[in-house]
């Protein structure tokens, strides 16, 4: 899975577009106040949450496919209230 296909999978699973940003594929203007993100970071990829003006990295993964799988899991099984 890559960044483009994870966006399609999230939409198919019924995850609202406003809940996430995938750098270079699914970005939002204006930027929402809180969201999950998937982005290149250092050597590899970062999955995390942006809340209250801060980025919190949850996972750092070397492979785009592994990062997309992690991102999908976090969004499809996200806790209530997020």
PDB file of N, CA and C in Angstrom:
ATOM      1  N   UNK A   1       0.847  -1.169   0.000  1.00  0.00           N
ATOM      2  CA  UNK A   1       0.000   0.000   0.000  1.00  0.00           C
ATOM      3  C   UNK A   1       0.896   1.236   0.000  1.00  0.00           C
ATOM      4  N   UNK A   2       0.487   2.250  -0.748  1.00  0.00           N
ATOM      5  CA  UNK A   2       1.218   3.510  -0.761  1.00  0.00           C
ATOM      6  C   UNK A   2       0.276   4.632  -0.316  1.00  0.00           C
ATOM      7  N   UNK A   3       0.777   5.871  -0.315  1.00  0.00           N
ATOM      8  CA  UNK A   3      -0.024   7.003   0.173  1.00  0.00           C
ATOM      9  C   UNK A   3      -1.331   7.175  -0.587  1.00  0.00           C
ATOM     10  N   UNK A   4      -1.300   7.016  -1.878  1.00  0.00           N
ATOM     11  CA  UNK A   4      -2.526   7.196  -2.658  1.00  0.00           C
ATOM     12  C   UNK A   4      -3.557   6.109  -2.351  1.00  0.00           C
ATOM     13  N   UNK A   5      -3.098   4.883  -2.259  1.00  0.00           N
ATOM     14  CA  UNK A   5      -4.047   3.796  -2.012  1.00  0.00           C
ATOM     15  C   UNK A   5      -4.581   3.816  -0.585  1.00  0.00           C
ATOM     16  N   UNK A   6      -3.816   4.308   0.386  1.00  0.00           N
ATOM     17  CA  UNK A   6      -4.347   4.360   1.751  1.00  0.00           C
ATOM     18  C   UNK A   6      -5.482   5.378   1.843  1.00  0.00           C
ATOM     19  N   UNK A   7      -5.416   6.455   1.092  1.00  0.00           N
ATOM     20  CA  UNK A   7      -6.519   7.426   1.079  1.00  0.00           C
ATOM     21  C   UNK A   7      -7.773   6.758   0.530  1.00  0.00           C
ATOM     22  N   UNK A   8      -7.658   6.006  -0.546  1.00  0.00           N
ATOM     23  CA  UNK A   8      -8.801   5.280  -1.101  1.00  0.00           C
ATOM     24  C   UNK A   8      -9.357   4.261  -0.123  1.00  0.00           C
ATOM     25  N   UNK A   9      -8.480   3.566   0.579  1.00  0.00           N
ATOM     26  CA  UNK A   9      -8.918   2.566   1.559  1.00  0.00           C
ATOM     27  C   UNK A   9      -9.643   3.229   2.732  1.00  0.00           C
ATOM     28  N   UNK A  10      -9.148   4.379   3.178  1.00  0.00           N
ATOM     29  CA  UNK A  10      -9.812   5.089   4.272  1.00  0.00           C
ATOM     30  C   UNK A  10     -11.203   5.569   3.851  1.00  0.00           C
ATOM     31  N   UNK A  11     -11.310   6.068   2.647  1.00  0.00           N
ATOM     32  CA  UNK A  11     -12.619   6.509   2.146  1.00  0.00           C
ATOM     33  C   UNK A  11     -13.572   5.325   2.047  1.00  0.00           C
ATOM     34  N   UNK A  12     -13.075   4.193   1.561  1.00  0.00           N
ATOM     35  CA  UNK A  12     -13.905   2.988   1.445  1.00  0.00           C
ATOM     36  C   UNK A  12     -14.363   2.503   2.822  1.00  0.00           C
ATOM     37  N   UNK A  13     -13.552   2.726   3.847  1.00  0.00           N
ATOM     38  CA  UNK A  13     -13.895   2.326   5.215  1.00  0.00           C
ATOM     39  C   UNK A  13     -14.805   3.339   5.907  1.00  0.00           C
ATOM     40  N   UNK A  14     -15.096   4.456   5.227  1.00  0.00           N
ATOM     41  CA  UNK A  14     -16.004   5.447   5.770  1.00  0.00           C
ATOM     42  C   UNK A  14     -15.360   6.455   6.712  1.00  0.00           C
ATOM     43  N   UNK A  15     -14.030   6.571   6.674  1.00  0.00           N
ATOM     44  CA  UNK A  15     -13.338   7.545   7.519  1.00  0.00           C
ATOM     45  C   UNK A  15     -13.480   8.930   6.871  1.00  0.00           C
ATOM     46  N   UNK A  16     -13.926   9.885   7.651  1.00  0.00           N
ATOM     47  CA  UNK A  16     -14.145  11.244   7.144  1.00  0.00           C
ATOM     48  C   UNK A  16     -12.834  11.885   6.699  1.00  0.00           C
ATOM     49  N   UNK A  17     -12.837  12.521   5.543  1.00  0.00           N
ATOM     50  CA  UNK A  17     -11.642  13.178   4.996  1.00  0.00           C
ATOM     51  C   UNK A  17     -11.047  14.214   5.946  1.00  0.00           C
ATOM     52  N   UNK A  18     -11.863  14.871   6.744  1.00  0.00           N
ATOM     53  CA  UNK A  18     -11.396  15.930   7.632  1.00  0.00           C
ATOM     54  C   UNK A  18     -10.515  15.418   8.768  1.00  0.00           C
ATOM     55  N   UNK A  19     -10.483  14.107   8.977  1.00  0.00           N
ATOM     56  CA  UNK A  19      -9.746  13.537  10.110  1.00  0.00           C
ATOM     57  C   UNK A  19      -8.272  13.290   9.833  1.00  0.00           C
ATOM     58  N   UNK A  20      -7.831  13.473   8.590  1.00  0.00           N
ATOM     59  CA  UNK A  20      -6.446  13.119   8.288  1.00  0.00           C
ATOM     60  C   UNK A  20      -5.843  13.963   7.173  1.00  0.00           C
ATOM     61  N   UNK A  21      -4.504  13.981   7.188  1.00  0.00           N
ATOM     62  CA  UNK A  21      -3.701  14.634   6.162  1.00  0.00           C
ATOM     63  C   UNK A  21      -2.623  13.647   5.742  1.00  0.00           C
ATOM     64  N   UNK A  22      -2.499  13.454   4.443  1.00  0.00           N
ATOM     65  CA  UNK A  22      -1.431  12.620   3.886  1.00  0.00           C
ATOM     66  C   UNK A  22      -0.604  13.552   3.010  1.00  0.00           C
ATOM     67  N   UNK A  23       0.596  13.845   3.469  1.00  0.00           N
ATOM     68  CA  UNK A  23       1.427  14.836   2.791  1.00  0.00           C
ATOM     69  C   UNK A  23       1.613  14.495   1.320  1.00  0.00           C
ATOM     70  N   UNK A  24       1.322  15.472   0.469  1.00  0.00           N
ATOM     71  CA  UNK A  24       1.490  15.324  -0.967  1.00  0.00           C
ATOM     72  C   UNK A  24       0.345  14.630  -1.680  1.00  0.00           C
ATOM     73  N   UNK A  25      -0.649  14.148  -0.924  1.00  0.00           N
ATOM     74  CA  UNK A  25      -1.761  13.418  -1.537  1.00  0.00           C
ATOM     75  C   UNK A  25      -3.113  13.958  -1.077  1.00  0.00           C
ATOM     76  N   UNK A  26      -3.277  14.126   0.213  1.00  0.00           N
ATOM     77  CA  UNK A  26      -4.563  14.560   0.782  1.00  0.00           C
ATOM     78  C   UNK A  26      -4.279  15.622   1.837  1.00  0.00           C
ATOM     79  N   UNK A  27      -4.208  16.882   1.384  1.00  0.00           N
ATOM     80  CA  UNK A  27      -3.941  17.995   2.290  1.00  0.00           C
ATOM     81  C   UNK A  27      -5.173  18.884   2.317  1.00  0.00           C
ATOM     82  N   UNK A  28      -5.334  19.633   3.393  1.00  0.00           N
ATOM     83  CA  UNK A  28      -6.546  20.426   3.560  1.00  0.00           C
ATOM     84  C   UNK A  28      -6.224  21.912   3.763  1.00  0.00           C
ATOM     85  N   UNK A  29      -7.059  22.754   3.146  1.00  0.00           N
ATOM     86  CA  UNK A  29      -6.951  24.200   3.329  1.00  0.00           C
ATOM     87  C   UNK A  29      -8.360  24.696   3.626  1.00  0.00           C
ATOM     88  N   UNK A  30      -8.569  25.341   4.742  1.00  0.00           N
ATOM     89  CA  UNK A  30      -7.601  25.614   5.795  1.00  0.00           C
ATOM     90  C   UNK A  30      -7.257  24.341   6.559  1.00  0.00           C
ATOM     91  N   UNK A  31      -6.153  24.396   7.260  1.00  0.00           N
ATOM     92  CA  UNK A  31      -5.705  23.256   8.051  1.00  0.00           C
ATOM     93  C   UNK A  31      -6.657  23.079   9.233  1.00  0.00           C
ATOM     94  N   UNK A  32      -7.182  21.853   9.441  1.00  0.00           N
ATOM     95  CA  UNK A  32      -8.085  21.635  10.574  1.00  0.00           C
ATOM     96  C   UNK A  32      -7.351  21.757  11.915  1.00  0.00           C
ATOM     97  N   UNK A  33      -8.084  21.959  12.996  1.00  0.00           N
ATOM     98  CA  UNK A  33      -7.448  22.140  14.302  1.00  0.00           C
ATOM     99  C   UNK A  33      -6.793  20.873  14.855  1.00  0.00           C
ATOM    100  N   UNK A  34      -7.259  19.710  14.430  1.00  0.00           N
ATOM    101  CA  UNK A  34      -6.639  18.454  14.852  1.00  0.00           C
ATOM    102  C   UNK A  34      -6.884  17.400  13.787  1.00  0.00           C
ATOM    103  N   UNK A  35      -5.888  16.526  13.601  1.00  0.00           N
ATOM    104  CA  UNK A  35      -5.966  15.504  12.563  1.00  0.00           C
ATOM    105  C   UNK A  35      -4.844  14.487  12.739  1.00  0.00           C
ATOM    106  N   UNK A  36      -5.007  13.330  12.128  1.00  0.00           N
ATOM    107  CA  UNK A  36      -3.931  12.345  12.008  1.00  0.00           C
ATOM    108  C   UNK A  36      -3.110  12.718  10.784  1.00  0.00           C
ATOM    109  N   UNK A  37      -1.822  12.390  10.810  1.00  0.00           N
ATOM    110  CA  UNK A  37      -0.990  12.695   9.641  1.00  0.00           C
ATOM    111  C   UNK A  37      -0.086  11.523   9.282  1.00  0.00           C
ATOM    112  N   UNK A  38       0.256  11.487   8.002  1.00  0.00           N
ATOM    113  CA  UNK A  38       1.237  10.550   7.441  1.00  0.00           C
ATOM    114  C   UNK A  38       2.152  11.402   6.577  1.00  0.00           C
ATOM    115  N   UNK A  39       3.455  11.336   6.862  1.00  0.00           N
ATOM    116  CA  UNK A  39       4.390  12.185   6.116  1.00  0.00           C
ATOM    117  C   UNK A  39       5.785  11.559   6.120  1.00  0.00           C
ATOM    118  N   UNK A  40       6.580  11.916   5.097  1.00  0.00           N
ATOM    119  CA  UNK A  40       7.986  11.524   5.144  1.00  0.00           C
ATOM    120  C   UNK A  40       8.633  12.231   6.329  1.00  0.00           C
ATOM    121  N   UNK A  41       9.510  11.535   7.033  1.00  0.00           N
ATOM    122  CA  UNK A  41      10.158  12.147   8.189  1.00  0.00           C
ATOM    123  C   UNK A  41      11.532  11.565   8.423  1.00  0.00           C
ATOM    124  N   UNK A  42      12.545  12.399   8.198  1.00  0.00           N
ATOM    125  CA  UNK A  42      13.910  11.896   8.374  1.00  0.00           C
ATOM    126  C   UNK A  42      14.145  10.756   7.404  1.00  0.00           C
ATOM    127  N   UNK A  43      14.848   9.755   7.850  1.00  0.00           N
ATOM    128  CA  UNK A  43      14.939   8.563   6.996  1.00  0.00           C
ATOM    129  C   UNK A  43      13.723   7.679   7.266  1.00  0.00           C
ATOM    130  N   UNK A  44      12.709   7.789   6.465  1.00  0.00           N
ATOM    131  CA  UNK A  44      11.519   6.955   6.653  1.00  0.00           C
ATOM    132  C   UNK A  44      10.248   7.772   6.677  1.00  0.00           C
ATOM    133  N   UNK A  45       9.286   7.312   7.491  1.00  0.00           N
ATOM    134  CA  UNK A  45       7.932   7.868   7.509  1.00  0.00           C
ATOM    135  C   UNK A  45       7.463   8.082   8.931  1.00  0.00           C
ATOM    136  N   UNK A  46       6.596   9.075   9.112  1.00  0.00           N
ATOM    137  CA  UNK A  46       6.020   9.364  10.416  1.00  0.00           C
ATOM    138  C   UNK A  46       4.499   9.287  10.338  1.00  0.00           C
ATOM    139  N   UNK A  47       3.923   8.678  11.357  1.00  0.00           N
ATOM    140  CA  UNK A  47       2.477   8.615  11.545  1.00  0.00           C
ATOM    141  C   UNK A  47       2.213   9.277  12.888  1.00  0.00           C
ATOM    142  N   UNK A  48       1.223  10.158  12.939  1.00  0.00           N
ATOM    143  CA  UNK A  48       0.971  10.812  14.211  1.00  0.00           C
ATOM    144  C   UNK A  48      -0.308  11.603  14.239  1.00  0.00           C
ATOM    145  N   UNK A  49      -0.403  12.433  15.267  1.00  0.00           N
ATOM    146  CA  UNK A  49      -1.582  13.251  15.511  1.00  0.00           C
ATOM    147  C   UNK A  49      -1.148  14.702  15.684  1.00  0.00           C
ATOM    148  N   UNK A  50      -1.892  15.609  15.075  1.00  0.00           N
ATOM    149  CA  UNK A  50      -1.693  17.039  15.273  1.00  0.00           C
ATOM    150  C   UNK A  50      -2.844  17.516  16.150  1.00  0.00           C
ATOM    151  N   UNK A  51      -2.518  18.030  17.339  1.00  0.00           N
ATOM    152  CA  UNK A  51      -3.528  18.535  18.258  1.00  0.00           C
ATOM    153  C   UNK A  51      -2.973  19.753  18.978  1.00  0.00           C
ATOM    154  N   UNK A  52      -3.824  20.751  19.153  1.00  0.00           N
ATOM    155  CA  UNK A  52      -3.455  21.951  19.920  1.00  0.00           C
ATOM    156  C   UNK A  52      -2.146  22.573  19.442  1.00  0.00           C
ATOM    157  N   UNK A  53      -1.966  22.604  18.141  1.00  0.00           N
ATOM    158  CA  UNK A  53      -0.784  23.248  17.574  1.00  0.00           C
ATOM    159  C   UNK A  53       0.498  22.454  17.651  1.00  0.00           C
ATOM    160  N   UNK A  54       0.408  21.166  17.993  1.00  0.00           N
ATOM    161  CA  UNK A  54       1.618  20.335  18.129  1.00  0.00           C
ATOM    162  C   UNK A  54       1.480  19.033  17.358  1.00  0.00           C
ATOM    163  N   UNK A  55       2.565  18.657  16.710  1.00  0.00           N
ATOM    164  CA  UNK A  55       2.645  17.363  16.048  1.00  0.00           C
ATOM    165  C   UNK A  55       3.189  16.347  17.044  1.00  0.00           C
ATOM    166  N   UNK A  56       2.477  15.231  17.229  1.00  0.00           N
ATOM    167  CA  UNK A  56       2.941  14.143  18.082  1.00  0.00           C
ATOM    168  C   UNK A  56       3.109  12.907  17.210  1.00  0.00           C
ATOM    169  N   UNK A  57       4.332  12.454  17.060  1.00  0.00           N
ATOM    170  CA  UNK A  57       4.606  11.272  16.242  1.00  0.00           C
ATOM    171  C   UNK A  57       4.293  10.030  17.069  1.00  0.00           C
ATOM    172  N   UNK A  58       3.469   9.157  16.501  1.00  0.00           N
ATOM    173  CA  UNK A  58       3.079   7.906  17.161  1.00  0.00           C
ATOM    174  C   UNK A  58       3.993   6.767  16.703  1.00  0.00           C
ATOM    175  N   UNK A  59       4.256   6.711  15.404  1.00  0.00           N
ATOM    176  CA  UNK A  59       5.085   5.657  14.809  1.00  0.00           C
ATOM    177  C   UNK A  59       6.086   6.271  13.846  1.00  0.00           C
ATOM    178  N   UNK A  60       7.298   5.733  13.841  1.00  0.00           N
ATOM    179  CA  UNK A  60       8.310   6.044  12.822  1.00  0.00           C
ATOM    180  C   UNK A  60       8.654   4.730  12.150  1.00  0.00           C
ATOM    181  N   UNK A  61       8.488   4.702  10.845  1.00  0.00           N
ATOM    182  CA  UNK A  61       8.708   3.461  10.108  1.00  0.00           C
ATOM    183  C   UNK A  61       9.591   3.719   8.895  1.00  0.00           C
ATOM    184  N   UNK A  62      10.396   2.750   8.547  1.00  0.00           N
ATOM    185  CA  UNK A  62      11.333   2.900   7.438  1.00  0.00           C
ATOM    186  C   UNK A  62      10.647   2.770   6.079  1.00  0.00           C
ATOM    187  N   UNK A  63       9.594   1.988   6.004  1.00  0.00           N
ATOM    188  CA  UNK A  63       8.955   1.628   4.742  1.00  0.00           C
ATOM    189  C   UNK A  63       7.602   2.335   4.581  1.00  0.00           C
ATOM    190  N   UNK A  64       7.342   2.886   3.404  1.00  0.00           N
ATOM    191  CA  UNK A  64       6.071   3.568   3.141  1.00  0.00           C
ATOM    192  C   UNK A  64       4.881   2.631   3.331  1.00  0.00           C
ATOM    193  N   UNK A  65       4.997   1.404   2.891  1.00  0.00           N
ATOM    194  CA  UNK A  65       3.903   0.439   3.036  1.00  0.00           C
ATOM    195  C   UNK A  65       3.571   0.161   4.494  1.00  0.00           C
ATOM    196  N   UNK A  66       4.589   0.004   5.322  1.00  0.00           N
ATOM    197  CA  UNK A  66       4.369  -0.222   6.753  1.00  0.00           C
ATOM    198  C   UNK A  66       3.744   1.010   7.403  1.00  0.00           C
ATOM    199  N   UNK A  67       4.195   2.196   6.996  1.00  0.00           N
ATOM    200  CA  UNK A  67       3.639   3.439   7.540  1.00  0.00           C
ATOM    201  C   UNK A  67       2.170   3.586   7.144  1.00  0.00           C
ATOM    202  N   UNK A  68       1.833   3.261   5.915  1.00  0.00           N
ATOM    203  CA  UNK A  68       0.444   3.345   5.465  1.00  0.00           C
ATOM    204  C   UNK A  68      -0.438   2.363   6.228  1.00  0.00           C
ATOM    205  N   UNK A  69       0.067   1.169   6.476  1.00  0.00           N
ATOM    206  CA  UNK A  69      -0.697   0.182   7.240  1.00  0.00           C
ATOM    207  C   UNK A  69      -0.937   0.670   8.664  1.00  0.00           C
ATOM    208  N   UNK A  70       0.075   1.241   9.289  1.00  0.00           N
ATOM    209  CA  UNK A  70      -0.065   1.798  10.637  1.00  0.00           C
ATOM    210  C   UNK A  70      -1.078   2.940  10.645  1.00  0.00           C
ATOM    211  N   UNK A  71      -0.958   3.837   9.685  1.00  0.00           N
ATOM    212  CA  UNK A  71      -1.862   4.981   9.556  1.00  0.00           C
ATOM    213  C   UNK A  71      -3.313   4.507   9.430  1.00  0.00           C
ATOM    214  N   UNK A  72      -3.530   3.535   8.570  1.00  0.00           N
ATOM    215  CA  UNK A  72      -4.870   2.977   8.370  1.00  0.00           C
ATOM    216  C   UNK A  72      -5.415   2.402   9.678  1.00  0.00           C
ATOM    217  N   UNK A  73      -4.609   1.609  10.361  1.00  0.00           N
ATOM    218  CA  UNK A  73      -5.050   1.015  11.633  1.00  0.00           C
ATOM    219  C   UNK A  73      -5.433   2.088  12.651  1.00  0.00           C
ATOM    220  N   UNK A  74      -4.631   3.127  12.763  1.00  0.00           N
ATOM    221  CA  UNK A  74      -4.941   4.192  13.725  1.00  0.00           C
ATOM    222  C   UNK A  74      -6.256   4.887  13.400  1.00  0.00           C
ATOM    223  N   UNK A  75      -6.540   5.089  12.136  1.00  0.00           N
ATOM    224  CA  UNK A  75      -7.762   5.798  11.762  1.00  0.00           C
ATOM    225  C   UNK A  75      -9.005   4.924  11.792  1.00  0.00           C
ATOM    226  N   UNK A  76      -8.868   3.680  11.422  1.00  0.00           N
ATOM    227  CA  UNK A  76     -10.032   2.799  11.389  1.00  0.00           C
ATOM    228  C   UNK A  76     -10.396   2.345  12.807  1.00  0.00           C
ATOM    229  N   UNK A  77      -9.395   2.233  13.663  1.00  0.00           N
ATOM    230  CA  UNK A  77      -9.640   1.806  15.048  1.00  0.00           C
ATOM    231  C   UNK A  77      -9.377   2.932  16.030  1.00  0.00           C
ATOM    232  N   UNK A  78      -9.641   4.171  15.638  1.00  0.00           N
ATOM    233  CA  UNK A  78      -9.326   5.306  16.497  1.00  0.00           C
ATOM    234  C   UNK A  78     -10.237   5.330  17.722  1.00  0.00           C
ATOM    235  N   UNK A  79      -9.723   5.851  18.816  1.00  0.00           N
ATOM    236  CA  UNK A  79     -10.543   5.950  20.052  1.00  0.00           C
ATOM    237  C   UNK A  79     -11.685   6.934  19.867  1.00  0.00           C
ATOM    238  N   UNK A  80     -12.730   6.751  20.626  1.00  0.00           N
ATOM    239  CA  UNK A  80     -13.879   7.675  20.592  1.00  0.00           C
ATOM    240  C   UNK A  80     -13.382   9.077  20.954  1.00  0.00           C
ATOM    241  N   UNK A  81     -13.952  10.071  20.288  1.00  0.00           N
ATOM    242  CA  UNK A  81     -13.589  11.444  20.569  1.00  0.00           C
ATOM    243  C   UNK A  81     -12.460  11.974  19.706  1.00  0.00           C
ATOM    244  N   UNK A  82     -11.850  11.132  18.885  1.00  0.00           N
ATOM    245  CA  UNK A  82     -10.792  11.591  17.981  1.00  0.00           C
ATOM    246  C   UNK A  82     -11.253  11.491  16.564  1.00  0.00           C
TER     247      UNK A  82
END
